């Protein structure tokens, strides 16, 4: 193998190994990780951008930047739409883990979309300062339909950092925020996932240490 090709292969393997080492295997109950898709600490500073890549994620709607060791995404009044930063992937069952802080945002959302062009909405976890809820979705833009399937009323300190683990396995969707659990079942969740989105309604929310895995149902003994 030519030296240059060997070096490129070595660097690619090293980068993947470092990425996997940086992402702790999540504690899960309904599915288990099989392959790490992405793990982003959001510790590499980037200037404010309204379109473009942010540490490998696509800033779409709103203004996004990385500063002080976290991803900041603010809704812009002229957009008339919550801010959104997305990552493209291929997964059926999947796991997402992250840390977040609400700040002054009205709510933050962890969403996923399917693989049907142009990637229709599939499901979301919403978090506000007083509730966590899960929806199933379909459509896109003006055809979007959403149904709240489960909700937990609980205070969420907007100034503290919190952890979230989302597991989607078959028709089962489970979101764990700190020690709070919200879960639902719907046939829509079985569909292949093509996009994960970090969404902020308002301004002031922050995200860090976001990791996504392909997964498989957990085998019960």
N, C-alpha and C. Protein backbone atom coordinates (compact mmCIF):
# COMPACT_ATOMS: atom_id res chain seq x y z
N UNK A 1 0.85 -1.19 0.00
CA UNK A 1 0.00 0.00 0.00
C UNK A 1 0.89 1.24 0.00
N UNK A 2 0.68 2.20 -0.93
CA UNK A 2 1.48 3.43 -0.94
C UNK A 2 1.42 4.13 0.40
N UNK A 3 2.52 4.79 0.76
CA UNK A 3 2.64 5.44 2.06
C UNK A 3 1.51 6.44 2.31
N UNK A 4 1.16 7.25 1.31
CA UNK A 4 0.14 8.26 1.49
C UNK A 4 -1.21 7.63 1.79
N UNK A 5 -1.57 6.55 1.08
CA UNK A 5 -2.85 5.88 1.34
C UNK A 5 -2.85 5.26 2.73
N UNK A 6 -1.70 4.68 3.12
CA UNK A 6 -1.59 4.08 4.45
C UNK A 6 -1.78 5.15 5.53
N UNK A 7 -1.16 6.32 5.31
CA UNK A 7 -1.25 7.41 6.28
C UNK A 7 -2.70 7.89 6.41
N UNK A 8 -3.39 8.04 5.26
CA UNK A 8 -4.79 8.49 5.29
C UNK A 8 -5.66 7.48 6.03
N UNK A 9 -5.42 6.19 5.78
CA UNK A 9 -6.19 5.15 6.46
C UNK A 9 -5.93 5.17 7.95
N UNK A 10 -4.65 5.33 8.32
CA UNK A 10 -4.28 5.38 9.74
C UNK A 10 -4.96 6.55 10.43
N UNK A 11 -4.95 7.71 9.79
CA UNK A 11 -5.55 8.90 10.39
C UNK A 11 -7.07 8.75 10.52
N UNK A 12 -7.70 8.11 9.52
CA UNK A 12 -9.15 7.89 9.59
C UNK A 12 -9.51 6.96 10.74
N UNK A 13 -8.72 5.88 10.90
CA UNK A 13 -8.96 4.93 11.99
C UNK A 13 -8.71 5.59 13.33
N UNK A 14 -7.65 6.40 13.42
CA UNK A 14 -7.34 7.10 14.66
C UNK A 14 -8.45 8.07 15.03
N UNK A 15 -8.96 8.82 14.04
CA UNK A 15 -10.03 9.77 14.31
C UNK A 15 -11.28 9.07 14.81
N UNK A 16 -11.61 7.92 14.19
CA UNK A 16 -12.78 7.17 14.63
C UNK A 16 -12.59 6.62 16.02
N UNK A 17 -11.39 6.15 16.32
CA UNK A 17 -11.11 5.61 17.66
C UNK A 17 -11.23 6.68 18.72
N UNK A 18 -10.70 7.86 18.42
CA UNK A 18 -10.79 8.97 19.37
C UNK A 18 -12.23 9.40 19.58
N UNK A 19 -13.01 9.39 18.49
CA UNK A 19 -14.42 9.78 18.59
C UNK A 19 -15.18 8.79 19.46
N UNK A 20 -14.93 7.50 19.25
CA UNK A 20 -15.63 6.48 20.02
C UNK A 20 -15.21 6.52 21.48
N UNK A 21 -13.93 6.82 21.73
CA UNK A 21 -13.46 6.91 23.11
C UNK A 21 -14.10 8.08 23.84
N UNK A 22 -14.39 9.14 23.06
CA UNK A 22 -14.98 10.34 23.67
C UNK A 22 -16.45 10.15 24.00
N UNK A 23 -17.09 9.17 23.38
CA UNK A 23 -18.51 8.96 23.61
C UNK A 23 -18.70 7.77 24.53
N UNK A 24 -19.08 8.02 25.76
CA UNK A 24 -19.33 6.94 26.70
C UNK A 24 -20.53 6.12 26.23
N UNK A 25 -20.43 4.81 26.37
CA UNK A 25 -21.55 3.95 26.03
C UNK A 25 -22.73 4.28 26.93
N UNK A 26 -23.88 4.61 26.36
CA UNK A 26 -25.00 5.07 27.18
C UNK A 26 -25.66 3.93 27.96
N UNK A 27 -26.21 4.29 29.11
CA UNK A 27 -27.02 3.35 29.89
C UNK A 27 -28.42 3.37 29.30
N UNK A 28 -28.88 2.23 28.81
CA UNK A 28 -30.17 2.16 28.12
C UNK A 28 -30.99 0.99 28.64
N UNK A 29 -32.27 0.98 28.27
CA UNK A 29 -33.16 -0.09 28.74
C UNK A 29 -33.90 -0.81 27.63
N UNK A 30 -34.23 -0.11 26.53
CA UNK A 30 -35.01 -0.77 25.48
C UNK A 30 -34.19 -1.15 24.25
N UNK A 31 -33.02 -0.53 24.06
CA UNK A 31 -32.15 -0.93 22.97
C UNK A 31 -30.71 -0.68 23.36
N UNK A 32 -29.79 -1.23 22.59
CA UNK A 32 -28.38 -1.09 22.90
C UNK A 32 -27.62 -0.61 21.68
N UNK A 33 -26.57 0.18 21.87
CA UNK A 33 -25.83 0.73 20.72
C UNK A 33 -25.06 -0.35 19.97
N UNK A 34 -25.05 -0.22 18.64
CA UNK A 34 -24.28 -1.13 17.80
C UNK A 34 -23.18 -0.41 17.04
N UNK A 35 -23.40 0.85 16.70
CA UNK A 35 -22.39 1.61 15.95
C UNK A 35 -22.53 3.08 16.26
N UNK A 36 -21.42 3.71 16.61
CA UNK A 36 -21.43 5.16 16.85
C UNK A 36 -21.50 5.88 15.52
N UNK A 37 -22.50 6.74 15.36
CA UNK A 37 -22.64 7.53 14.14
C UNK A 37 -21.85 8.83 14.24
N UNK A 38 -22.03 9.54 15.35
CA UNK A 38 -21.32 10.81 15.55
C UNK A 38 -21.27 11.11 17.04
N UNK A 39 -20.20 11.76 17.46
CA UNK A 39 -20.08 12.25 18.83
C UNK A 39 -19.40 13.61 18.76
N UNK A 40 -20.14 14.65 19.15
CA UNK A 40 -19.65 16.01 19.02
C UNK A 40 -19.68 16.72 20.37
N UNK A 41 -18.51 17.11 20.84
CA UNK A 41 -18.42 17.80 22.13
C UNK A 41 -18.89 19.25 22.02
N UNK A 42 -18.77 19.84 20.83
CA UNK A 42 -19.03 21.27 20.62
C UNK A 42 -18.10 22.10 21.50
N UNK A 43 -16.81 21.74 21.44
CA UNK A 43 -15.79 22.49 22.17
C UNK A 43 -14.82 23.21 21.22
N UNK A 44 -15.13 23.20 19.91
CA UNK A 44 -14.31 23.91 18.94
C UNK A 44 -15.02 25.20 18.54
N UNK A 45 -14.52 26.35 19.00
CA UNK A 45 -15.23 27.62 18.76
C UNK A 45 -15.49 27.89 17.28
N UNK A 46 -16.68 28.39 16.99
CA UNK A 46 -17.02 28.80 15.63
C UNK A 46 -17.77 30.11 15.71
N UNK A 47 -17.58 30.99 14.72
CA UNK A 47 -18.28 32.27 14.73
C UNK A 47 -19.76 32.06 14.41
N UNK A 48 -20.60 33.05 14.73
CA UNK A 48 -22.03 32.93 14.42
C UNK A 48 -22.27 32.68 12.94
N UNK A 49 -23.12 31.73 12.63
CA UNK A 49 -23.47 31.44 11.24
C UNK A 49 -24.96 31.14 11.13
N UNK A 50 -25.53 31.52 10.03
CA UNK A 50 -26.95 31.27 9.78
C UNK A 50 -27.14 30.17 8.74
N UNK A 51 -26.10 29.82 8.06
CA UNK A 51 -26.09 28.69 7.13
C UNK A 51 -24.65 28.18 7.08
N UNK A 52 -24.49 26.88 7.22
CA UNK A 52 -23.14 26.34 7.14
C UNK A 52 -22.90 25.29 8.21
N UNK A 53 -21.67 24.72 8.19
CA UNK A 53 -21.33 23.66 9.11
C UNK A 53 -20.86 24.20 10.45
N UNK A 54 -21.34 23.57 11.52
CA UNK A 54 -20.93 23.90 12.88
C UNK A 54 -20.42 22.60 13.51
N UNK A 55 -19.09 22.44 13.55
CA UNK A 55 -18.48 21.22 14.11
C UNK A 55 -19.07 19.97 13.46
N UNK A 56 -19.33 20.02 12.15
CA UNK A 56 -19.85 18.87 11.43
C UNK A 56 -21.36 18.79 11.33
N UNK A 57 -22.08 19.65 12.05
CA UNK A 57 -23.53 19.72 11.98
C UNK A 57 -23.93 20.85 11.04
N UNK A 58 -25.11 20.74 10.43
CA UNK A 58 -25.57 21.75 9.48
C UNK A 58 -26.47 22.76 10.15
N UNK A 59 -25.97 23.98 10.29
CA UNK A 59 -26.81 25.07 10.78
C UNK A 59 -27.77 25.47 9.68
N UNK A 60 -29.07 25.43 9.97
CA UNK A 60 -30.06 25.75 8.96
C UNK A 60 -30.81 27.01 9.31
N UNK A 61 -31.84 26.86 10.13
CA UNK A 61 -32.65 28.01 10.52
C UNK A 61 -32.09 28.61 11.81
N UNK A 62 -32.11 29.93 11.92
CA UNK A 62 -31.60 30.60 13.11
C UNK A 62 -30.12 30.91 13.00
N UNK A 63 -29.55 31.34 14.12
CA UNK A 63 -28.12 31.67 14.18
C UNK A 63 -27.43 30.76 15.18
N UNK A 64 -26.37 30.08 14.75
CA UNK A 64 -25.69 29.09 15.57
C UNK A 64 -24.21 29.42 15.71
N UNK A 65 -23.65 29.11 16.87
CA UNK A 65 -22.22 29.31 17.10
C UNK A 65 -21.78 28.40 18.23
N UNK A 66 -20.47 28.19 18.33
CA UNK A 66 -19.91 27.45 19.46
C UNK A 66 -19.01 28.39 20.24
N UNK A 67 -19.31 28.55 21.52
CA UNK A 67 -18.49 29.39 22.39
C UNK A 67 -18.63 28.89 23.82
N UNK A 68 -17.60 29.11 24.60
CA UNK A 68 -17.60 28.70 26.01
C UNK A 68 -17.91 27.21 26.17
N UNK A 69 -17.46 26.40 25.21
CA UNK A 69 -17.61 24.95 25.30
C UNK A 69 -19.00 24.42 25.07
N UNK A 70 -19.83 25.15 24.31
CA UNK A 70 -21.19 24.69 24.05
C UNK A 70 -21.72 25.28 22.74
N UNK A 71 -22.69 24.58 22.16
CA UNK A 71 -23.37 25.04 20.96
C UNK A 71 -24.54 25.94 21.34
N UNK A 72 -24.55 27.15 20.79
CA UNK A 72 -25.63 28.11 21.04
C UNK A 72 -26.44 28.25 19.76
N UNK A 73 -27.76 28.17 19.88
CA UNK A 73 -28.62 28.32 18.70
C UNK A 73 -29.80 29.20 19.00
N UNK A 74 -29.84 30.38 18.40
CA UNK A 74 -30.89 31.35 18.71
C UNK A 74 -31.88 31.49 17.56
N UNK A 75 -33.16 31.51 17.93
CA UNK A 75 -34.22 31.77 16.95
C UNK A 75 -34.12 33.22 16.51
N UNK A 76 -34.34 33.45 15.21
CA UNK A 76 -34.33 34.80 14.66
C UNK A 76 -35.76 35.24 14.33
N UNK A 77 -36.10 36.43 14.72
CA UNK A 77 -37.47 36.92 14.54
C UNK A 77 -37.90 36.86 13.09
N UNK A 78 -36.96 37.16 12.17
CA UNK A 78 -37.35 37.21 10.75
C UNK A 78 -37.63 35.83 10.16
N UNK A 79 -37.20 34.78 10.83
CA UNK A 79 -37.44 33.43 10.31
C UNK A 79 -38.87 32.94 10.59
N UNK A 80 -39.47 33.46 11.65
CA UNK A 80 -40.80 32.99 12.07
C UNK A 80 -40.81 31.47 12.24
N UNK A 81 -39.71 30.96 12.80
CA UNK A 81 -39.54 29.51 12.94
C UNK A 81 -38.45 29.26 13.97
N UNK A 82 -38.59 28.25 14.83
CA UNK A 82 -37.51 27.94 15.77
C UNK A 82 -36.20 27.64 15.04
N UNK A 83 -35.08 27.88 15.70
CA UNK A 83 -33.79 27.59 15.10
C UNK A 83 -33.59 26.09 15.01
N UNK A 84 -32.77 25.65 14.05
CA UNK A 84 -32.58 24.21 13.83
C UNK A 84 -31.18 23.94 13.31
N UNK A 85 -30.53 22.92 13.90
CA UNK A 85 -29.21 22.48 13.48
C UNK A 85 -29.30 20.95 13.31
N UNK A 86 -28.91 20.43 12.15
CA UNK A 86 -29.22 19.04 11.83
C UNK A 86 -27.97 18.21 11.51
N UNK A 87 -28.16 16.88 11.63
CA UNK A 87 -27.11 15.93 11.24
C UNK A 87 -27.77 14.81 10.45
N UNK A 88 -27.20 14.51 9.27
CA UNK A 88 -27.74 13.44 8.42
C UNK A 88 -27.14 12.10 8.82
N UNK A 89 -27.97 11.07 8.78
CA UNK A 89 -27.53 9.75 9.22
C UNK A 89 -28.38 8.68 8.56
N UNK A 90 -28.05 7.42 8.85
CA UNK A 90 -28.85 6.28 8.43
C UNK A 90 -29.04 5.39 9.64
N UNK A 91 -30.27 5.26 10.11
CA UNK A 91 -30.54 4.43 11.28
C UNK A 91 -32.01 4.04 11.29
N UNK A 92 -32.29 2.92 11.89
CA UNK A 92 -33.67 2.52 12.14
C UNK A 92 -33.92 2.62 13.64
N UNK A 93 -33.40 1.68 14.41
CA UNK A 93 -33.35 1.88 15.86
C UNK A 93 -32.17 2.79 16.15
N UNK A 94 -32.30 3.69 17.11
CA UNK A 94 -31.22 4.63 17.39
C UNK A 94 -31.25 5.10 18.83
N UNK A 95 -30.10 5.64 19.26
CA UNK A 95 -29.94 6.22 20.60
C UNK A 95 -29.27 7.58 20.44
N UNK A 96 -29.77 8.56 21.18
CA UNK A 96 -29.14 9.88 21.23
C UNK A 96 -28.89 10.24 22.68
N UNK A 97 -27.71 10.77 22.96
CA UNK A 97 -27.42 11.32 24.29
C UNK A 97 -26.88 12.73 24.12
N UNK A 98 -27.13 13.58 25.11
CA UNK A 98 -26.66 14.95 25.03
C UNK A 98 -26.77 15.61 26.39
N UNK A 99 -26.12 16.76 26.50
CA UNK A 99 -26.30 17.65 27.64
C UNK A 99 -26.89 18.94 27.10
N UNK A 100 -27.75 19.58 27.88
CA UNK A 100 -28.38 20.81 27.42
C UNK A 100 -28.66 21.74 28.60
N UNK A 101 -28.80 23.01 28.25
CA UNK A 101 -29.22 24.02 29.22
C UNK A 101 -30.25 24.91 28.54
N UNK A 102 -31.39 25.10 29.17
CA UNK A 102 -32.47 25.88 28.57
C UNK A 102 -32.16 27.37 28.49
N UNK A 103 -31.54 27.90 29.53
CA UNK A 103 -31.32 29.33 29.56
C UNK A 103 -32.64 30.08 29.49
N UNK A 104 -32.70 31.08 28.62
CA UNK A 104 -33.91 31.90 28.49
C UNK A 104 -34.84 31.39 27.38
N UNK A 105 -34.49 30.28 26.76
CA UNK A 105 -35.33 29.73 25.68
C UNK A 105 -36.68 29.28 26.23
N UNK A 106 -37.71 29.38 25.40
CA UNK A 106 -39.03 28.90 25.79
C UNK A 106 -39.05 27.39 25.90
N UNK A 107 -38.42 26.72 24.93
CA UNK A 107 -38.29 25.27 24.95
C UNK A 107 -37.22 24.84 23.97
N UNK A 108 -36.66 23.66 24.21
CA UNK A 108 -35.75 23.06 23.24
C UNK A 108 -36.36 21.73 22.80
N UNK A 109 -35.88 21.27 21.64
CA UNK A 109 -36.46 20.08 21.05
C UNK A 109 -35.35 19.21 20.45
N UNK A 110 -35.45 17.91 20.66
CA UNK A 110 -34.62 16.94 19.96
C UNK A 110 -35.54 16.22 18.99
N UNK A 111 -35.32 16.43 17.69
CA UNK A 111 -36.22 15.89 16.70
C UNK A 111 -35.53 14.92 15.76
N UNK A 112 -36.32 14.08 15.10
CA UNK A 112 -35.77 13.25 14.03
C UNK A 112 -36.76 13.24 12.87
N UNK A 113 -36.20 13.04 11.68
CA UNK A 113 -36.98 12.99 10.45
C UNK A 113 -36.67 11.71 9.71
N UNK A 114 -37.55 11.32 8.81
CA UNK A 114 -37.37 10.04 8.13
C UNK A 114 -36.52 10.18 6.88
N UNK A 115 -36.54 9.17 6.03
CA UNK A 115 -35.71 9.15 4.82
C UNK A 115 -36.52 9.43 3.56
N UNK A 116 -37.80 9.78 3.71
CA UNK A 116 -38.64 10.08 2.55
C UNK A 116 -38.38 11.52 2.11
N UNK A 117 -37.86 11.76 0.90
CA UNK A 117 -37.57 13.12 0.47
C UNK A 117 -38.79 14.02 0.62
N UNK A 118 -38.63 15.24 1.16
CA UNK A 118 -37.39 15.85 1.67
C UNK A 118 -37.18 15.62 3.17
N UNK A 119 -37.25 14.39 3.62
CA UNK A 119 -37.08 14.01 5.03
C UNK A 119 -38.23 14.54 5.89
N UNK A 120 -39.31 13.79 5.91
CA UNK A 120 -40.51 14.18 6.64
C UNK A 120 -40.30 14.06 8.15
N UNK A 121 -40.98 14.90 8.91
CA UNK A 121 -40.90 14.84 10.36
C UNK A 121 -41.37 13.48 10.87
N UNK A 122 -40.71 12.98 11.92
CA UNK A 122 -41.03 11.66 12.45
C UNK A 122 -41.43 11.71 13.93
N UNK A 123 -40.61 12.32 14.77
CA UNK A 123 -40.93 12.40 16.19
C UNK A 123 -40.04 13.42 16.89
N UNK A 124 -40.48 13.87 18.06
CA UNK A 124 -39.72 14.87 18.80
C UNK A 124 -39.88 14.70 20.30
N UNK A 125 -38.82 15.13 21.02
CA UNK A 125 -38.90 15.31 22.47
C UNK A 125 -38.81 16.81 22.74
N UNK A 126 -39.79 17.34 23.45
CA UNK A 126 -39.83 18.75 23.82
C UNK A 126 -39.48 18.89 25.30
N UNK A 127 -38.73 19.94 25.63
CA UNK A 127 -38.39 20.22 27.02
C UNK A 127 -38.56 21.71 27.28
N UNK A 128 -39.38 22.04 28.29
CA UNK A 128 -39.54 23.41 28.74
C UNK A 128 -39.16 23.46 30.22
N UNK A 129 -39.29 24.61 30.83
CA UNK A 129 -38.89 24.74 32.23
C UNK A 129 -39.86 24.04 33.18
N UNK A 130 -41.01 23.57 32.65
CA UNK A 130 -41.96 22.90 33.54
C UNK A 130 -42.55 21.61 32.97
N UNK A 131 -42.00 21.08 31.86
CA UNK A 131 -42.57 19.85 31.31
C UNK A 131 -41.63 19.21 30.28
N UNK A 132 -41.86 17.91 30.08
CA UNK A 132 -41.19 17.13 29.04
C UNK A 132 -42.29 16.38 28.30
N UNK A 133 -42.30 16.41 26.96
CA UNK A 133 -43.31 15.66 26.25
C UNK A 133 -42.76 15.11 24.93
N UNK A 134 -43.42 14.05 24.46
CA UNK A 134 -43.00 13.32 23.26
C UNK A 134 -44.13 13.36 22.24
N UNK A 135 -43.78 13.58 20.97
CA UNK A 135 -44.78 13.62 19.91
C UNK A 135 -44.41 12.63 18.81
N UNK A 136 -45.42 12.25 18.04
CA UNK A 136 -45.16 11.58 16.77
C UNK A 136 -45.55 12.57 15.70
N UNK A 137 -44.90 12.51 14.53
CA UNK A 137 -45.12 13.53 13.52
C UNK A 137 -45.15 12.91 12.13
N UNK A 138 -45.60 13.73 11.17
CA UNK A 138 -45.57 13.36 9.77
C UNK A 138 -45.57 14.65 8.95
N UNK A 139 -45.31 14.52 7.66
CA UNK A 139 -45.34 15.68 6.78
C UNK A 139 -44.12 16.58 6.93
N UNK A 140 -44.15 17.70 6.25
CA UNK A 140 -43.07 18.68 6.28
C UNK A 140 -43.66 20.04 5.92
N UNK A 141 -43.07 21.10 6.46
CA UNK A 141 -43.51 22.46 6.18
C UNK A 141 -45.00 22.61 6.47
N UNK A 142 -45.80 23.08 5.50
CA UNK A 142 -47.21 23.33 5.75
C UNK A 142 -48.02 22.05 5.92
N UNK A 143 -47.46 20.90 5.53
CA UNK A 143 -48.19 19.63 5.68
C UNK A 143 -47.88 18.93 7.00
N UNK A 144 -47.07 19.55 7.84
CA UNK A 144 -46.67 18.93 9.11
C UNK A 144 -47.87 18.66 10.00
N UNK A 145 -47.90 17.43 10.54
CA UNK A 145 -48.90 17.05 11.53
C UNK A 145 -48.18 16.51 12.75
N UNK A 146 -48.68 16.85 13.94
CA UNK A 146 -48.02 16.44 15.17
C UNK A 146 -49.07 16.04 16.19
N UNK A 147 -48.74 15.00 16.97
CA UNK A 147 -49.64 14.53 18.02
C UNK A 147 -48.83 14.26 19.28
N UNK A 148 -49.22 14.92 20.37
CA UNK A 148 -48.56 14.68 21.65
C UNK A 148 -49.03 13.33 22.19
N UNK A 149 -48.08 12.43 22.45
CA UNK A 149 -48.43 11.09 22.91
C UNK A 149 -48.24 10.91 24.41
N UNK A 150 -47.29 11.62 24.99
CA UNK A 150 -47.02 11.47 26.43
C UNK A 150 -46.38 12.74 26.95
N UNK A 151 -46.69 13.08 28.22
CA UNK A 151 -46.16 14.30 28.82
C UNK A 151 -45.95 14.09 30.32
N UNK A 152 -44.88 14.68 30.81
CA UNK A 152 -44.60 14.68 32.25
C UNK A 152 -44.43 16.12 32.70
N UNK A 153 -45.25 16.56 33.63
CA UNK A 153 -45.11 17.89 34.21
C UNK A 153 -44.07 17.81 35.32
N UNK A 154 -42.96 18.54 35.15
CA UNK A 154 -41.90 18.54 36.15
C UNK A 154 -41.04 19.78 35.95
N UNK A 155 -40.57 20.40 37.02
CA UNK A 155 -39.71 21.58 36.86
C UNK A 155 -38.33 21.20 36.32
N UNK A 156 -37.85 21.99 35.36
CA UNK A 156 -36.51 21.83 34.79
C UNK A 156 -35.77 23.14 35.01
N UNK A 157 -34.73 23.11 35.82
CA UNK A 157 -33.97 24.32 36.13
C UNK A 157 -33.34 24.86 34.84
N UNK A 158 -33.75 26.05 34.38
CA UNK A 158 -33.23 26.55 33.10
C UNK A 158 -31.76 26.95 33.13
N UNK A 159 -31.19 27.16 34.31
CA UNK A 159 -29.79 27.59 34.40
C UNK A 159 -28.83 26.43 34.64
N UNK A 160 -29.35 25.24 34.90
CA UNK A 160 -28.51 24.07 35.16
C UNK A 160 -28.32 23.26 33.88
N UNK A 161 -27.22 22.50 33.84
CA UNK A 161 -27.02 21.55 32.75
C UNK A 161 -27.75 20.26 33.07
N UNK A 162 -28.41 19.70 32.06
CA UNK A 162 -29.16 18.46 32.21
C UNK A 162 -28.70 17.44 31.17
N UNK A 163 -28.96 16.17 31.43
CA UNK A 163 -28.64 15.12 30.48
C UNK A 163 -29.92 14.55 29.88
N UNK A 164 -29.80 14.08 28.65
CA UNK A 164 -30.93 13.42 28.00
C UNK A 164 -30.43 12.19 27.26
N UNK A 165 -31.21 11.12 27.33
CA UNK A 165 -30.99 9.92 26.53
C UNK A 165 -32.30 9.58 25.84
N UNK A 166 -32.27 9.51 24.52
CA UNK A 166 -33.45 9.13 23.74
C UNK A 166 -33.17 7.77 23.11
N UNK A 167 -34.08 6.83 23.33
CA UNK A 167 -34.00 5.51 22.72
C UNK A 167 -35.22 5.32 21.83
N UNK A 168 -34.99 4.91 20.58
CA UNK A 168 -36.09 4.58 19.67
C UNK A 168 -35.84 3.17 19.16
N UNK A 169 -36.74 2.26 19.50
CA UNK A 169 -36.61 0.86 19.09
C UNK A 169 -37.97 0.35 18.65
N UNK A 170 -38.09 0.04 17.37
CA UNK A 170 -39.39 -0.36 16.85
C UNK A 170 -40.39 0.75 17.04
N UNK A 171 -41.54 0.43 17.64
CA UNK A 171 -42.57 1.45 17.86
C UNK A 171 -42.43 2.14 19.22
N UNK A 172 -41.35 1.83 19.94
CA UNK A 172 -41.17 2.32 21.31
C UNK A 172 -40.20 3.51 21.32
N UNK A 173 -40.62 4.60 21.92
CA UNK A 173 -39.81 5.82 22.04
C UNK A 173 -39.70 6.14 23.53
N UNK A 174 -38.46 6.26 24.01
CA UNK A 174 -38.24 6.55 25.43
C UNK A 174 -37.25 7.70 25.57
N UNK A 175 -37.67 8.74 26.29
CA UNK A 175 -36.80 9.88 26.57
C UNK A 175 -36.56 9.96 28.06
N UNK A 176 -35.28 9.99 28.46
CA UNK A 176 -34.90 10.11 29.87
C UNK A 176 -34.15 11.41 30.06
N UNK A 177 -34.73 12.33 30.81
CA UNK A 177 -34.09 13.61 31.11
C UNK A 177 -33.73 13.59 32.59
N UNK A 178 -32.42 13.59 32.87
CA UNK A 178 -31.95 13.36 34.23
C UNK A 178 -32.57 12.05 34.72
N UNK A 179 -33.43 12.09 35.73
CA UNK A 179 -34.09 10.86 36.19
C UNK A 179 -35.58 10.84 35.85
N UNK A 180 -36.01 11.70 34.91
CA UNK A 180 -37.40 11.76 34.49
C UNK A 180 -37.58 10.98 33.19
N UNK A 181 -38.61 10.16 33.11
CA UNK A 181 -38.83 9.30 31.95
C UNK A 181 -40.18 9.60 31.31
N UNK A 182 -40.15 9.77 29.99
CA UNK A 182 -41.37 9.92 29.20
C UNK A 182 -41.26 8.95 28.03
N UNK A 183 -42.27 8.10 27.84
CA UNK A 183 -42.20 7.14 26.75
C UNK A 183 -43.55 6.94 26.10
N UNK A 184 -43.49 6.50 24.83
CA UNK A 184 -44.71 6.32 24.05
C UNK A 184 -44.48 5.23 23.01
N UNK A 185 -45.58 4.75 22.45
CA UNK A 185 -45.54 3.77 21.37
C UNK A 185 -46.33 4.29 20.18
N UNK A 186 -45.77 4.12 18.97
CA UNK A 186 -46.49 4.48 17.75
C UNK A 186 -45.79 3.82 16.56
N UNK A 187 -46.58 3.38 15.58
CA UNK A 187 -46.02 2.72 14.39
C UNK A 187 -45.06 3.64 13.64
N UNK A 188 -45.28 4.94 13.74
CA UNK A 188 -44.43 5.90 13.02
C UNK A 188 -42.97 5.78 13.42
N UNK A 189 -42.71 5.42 14.67
CA UNK A 189 -41.34 5.36 15.16
C UNK A 189 -40.53 4.24 14.51
N UNK A 190 -41.19 3.29 13.85
CA UNK A 190 -40.47 2.18 13.20
C UNK A 190 -39.75 2.62 11.93
N UNK A 191 -40.16 3.75 11.36
CA UNK A 191 -39.61 4.18 10.08
C UNK A 191 -38.14 4.57 10.19
N UNK A 192 -37.40 4.39 9.10
CA UNK A 192 -35.97 4.71 9.07
C UNK A 192 -35.76 6.20 9.34
N UNK A 193 -34.67 6.48 10.06
CA UNK A 193 -34.33 7.86 10.40
C UNK A 193 -33.21 8.37 9.48
N UNK A 194 -33.40 9.60 8.97
CA UNK A 194 -32.40 10.19 8.07
C UNK A 194 -31.81 11.48 8.56
N UNK A 195 -32.44 12.12 9.55
CA UNK A 195 -31.95 13.39 10.09
C UNK A 195 -32.27 13.46 11.58
N UNK A 196 -31.32 13.97 12.35
CA UNK A 196 -31.56 14.35 13.74
C UNK A 196 -31.40 15.87 13.83
N UNK A 197 -32.27 16.52 14.59
CA UNK A 197 -32.23 17.98 14.68
C UNK A 197 -32.20 18.44 16.12
N UNK A 198 -31.38 19.45 16.37
CA UNK A 198 -31.37 20.19 17.63
C UNK A 198 -32.13 21.48 17.36
N UNK A 199 -33.18 21.73 18.14
CA UNK A 199 -34.09 22.83 17.85
C UNK A 199 -34.28 23.70 19.08
N UNK A 200 -34.35 25.00 18.87
CA UNK A 200 -34.49 25.95 19.97
C UNK A 200 -35.59 26.94 19.65
N UNK A 201 -36.60 27.00 20.52
CA UNK A 201 -37.65 28.01 20.37
C UNK A 201 -37.33 29.14 21.33
N UNK A 202 -36.89 30.24 20.78
CA UNK A 202 -36.46 31.36 21.60
C UNK A 202 -34.96 31.55 21.50
N UNK A 203 -34.36 32.06 22.55
CA UNK A 203 -32.92 32.32 22.56
C UNK A 203 -32.33 31.90 23.90
N UNK A 204 -31.06 31.52 23.88
CA UNK A 204 -30.36 31.23 25.12
C UNK A 204 -30.08 29.78 25.41
N UNK A 205 -30.62 28.85 24.61
CA UNK A 205 -30.38 27.42 24.86
C UNK A 205 -28.97 27.02 24.42
N UNK A 206 -28.44 25.99 25.06
CA UNK A 206 -27.10 25.49 24.75
C UNK A 206 -27.11 23.96 24.73
N UNK A 207 -26.24 23.38 23.89
CA UNK A 207 -26.10 21.94 23.78
C UNK A 207 -24.61 21.59 23.80
N UNK A 208 -24.28 20.40 24.32
CA UNK A 208 -22.92 19.90 24.23
C UNK A 208 -22.91 18.38 24.38
N UNK A 209 -21.79 17.78 23.98
CA UNK A 209 -21.60 16.33 24.10
C UNK A 209 -22.78 15.55 23.53
N UNK A 210 -23.07 15.83 22.26
CA UNK A 210 -24.17 15.16 21.56
C UNK A 210 -23.64 13.94 20.82
N UNK A 211 -24.19 12.77 21.11
CA UNK A 211 -23.76 11.53 20.47
C UNK A 211 -24.98 10.77 19.96
N UNK A 212 -24.80 10.11 18.81
CA UNK A 212 -25.88 9.32 18.20
C UNK A 212 -25.32 7.97 17.81
N UNK A 213 -26.07 6.92 18.12
CA UNK A 213 -25.69 5.55 17.76
C UNK A 213 -26.79 4.88 16.95
N UNK A 214 -26.39 4.00 16.03
CA UNK A 214 -27.31 2.99 15.54
C UNK A 214 -27.50 2.00 16.67
N UNK A 215 -28.67 1.35 16.72
CA UNK A 215 -28.96 0.48 17.86
C UNK A 215 -29.73 -0.75 17.42
N UNK A 216 -29.90 -1.66 18.36
CA UNK A 216 -30.71 -2.85 18.15
C UNK A 216 -31.50 -3.11 19.43
N UNK A 217 -32.63 -3.82 19.32
CA UNK A 217 -33.42 -4.10 20.54
C UNK A 217 -32.58 -4.81 21.59
N UNK A 218 -32.76 -4.43 22.83
CA UNK A 218 -32.03 -5.05 23.92
C UNK A 218 -32.58 -6.47 24.14
N UNK A 219 -31.67 -7.44 24.23
CA UNK A 219 -32.06 -8.82 24.41
C UNK A 219 -32.31 -9.06 25.89
N UNK A 220 -33.51 -9.52 26.21
CA UNK A 220 -33.83 -9.82 27.62
C UNK A 220 -33.47 -11.27 27.93
N UNK A 221 -32.85 -11.46 29.07
CA UNK A 221 -32.41 -12.81 29.46
C UNK A 221 -33.45 -13.48 30.35
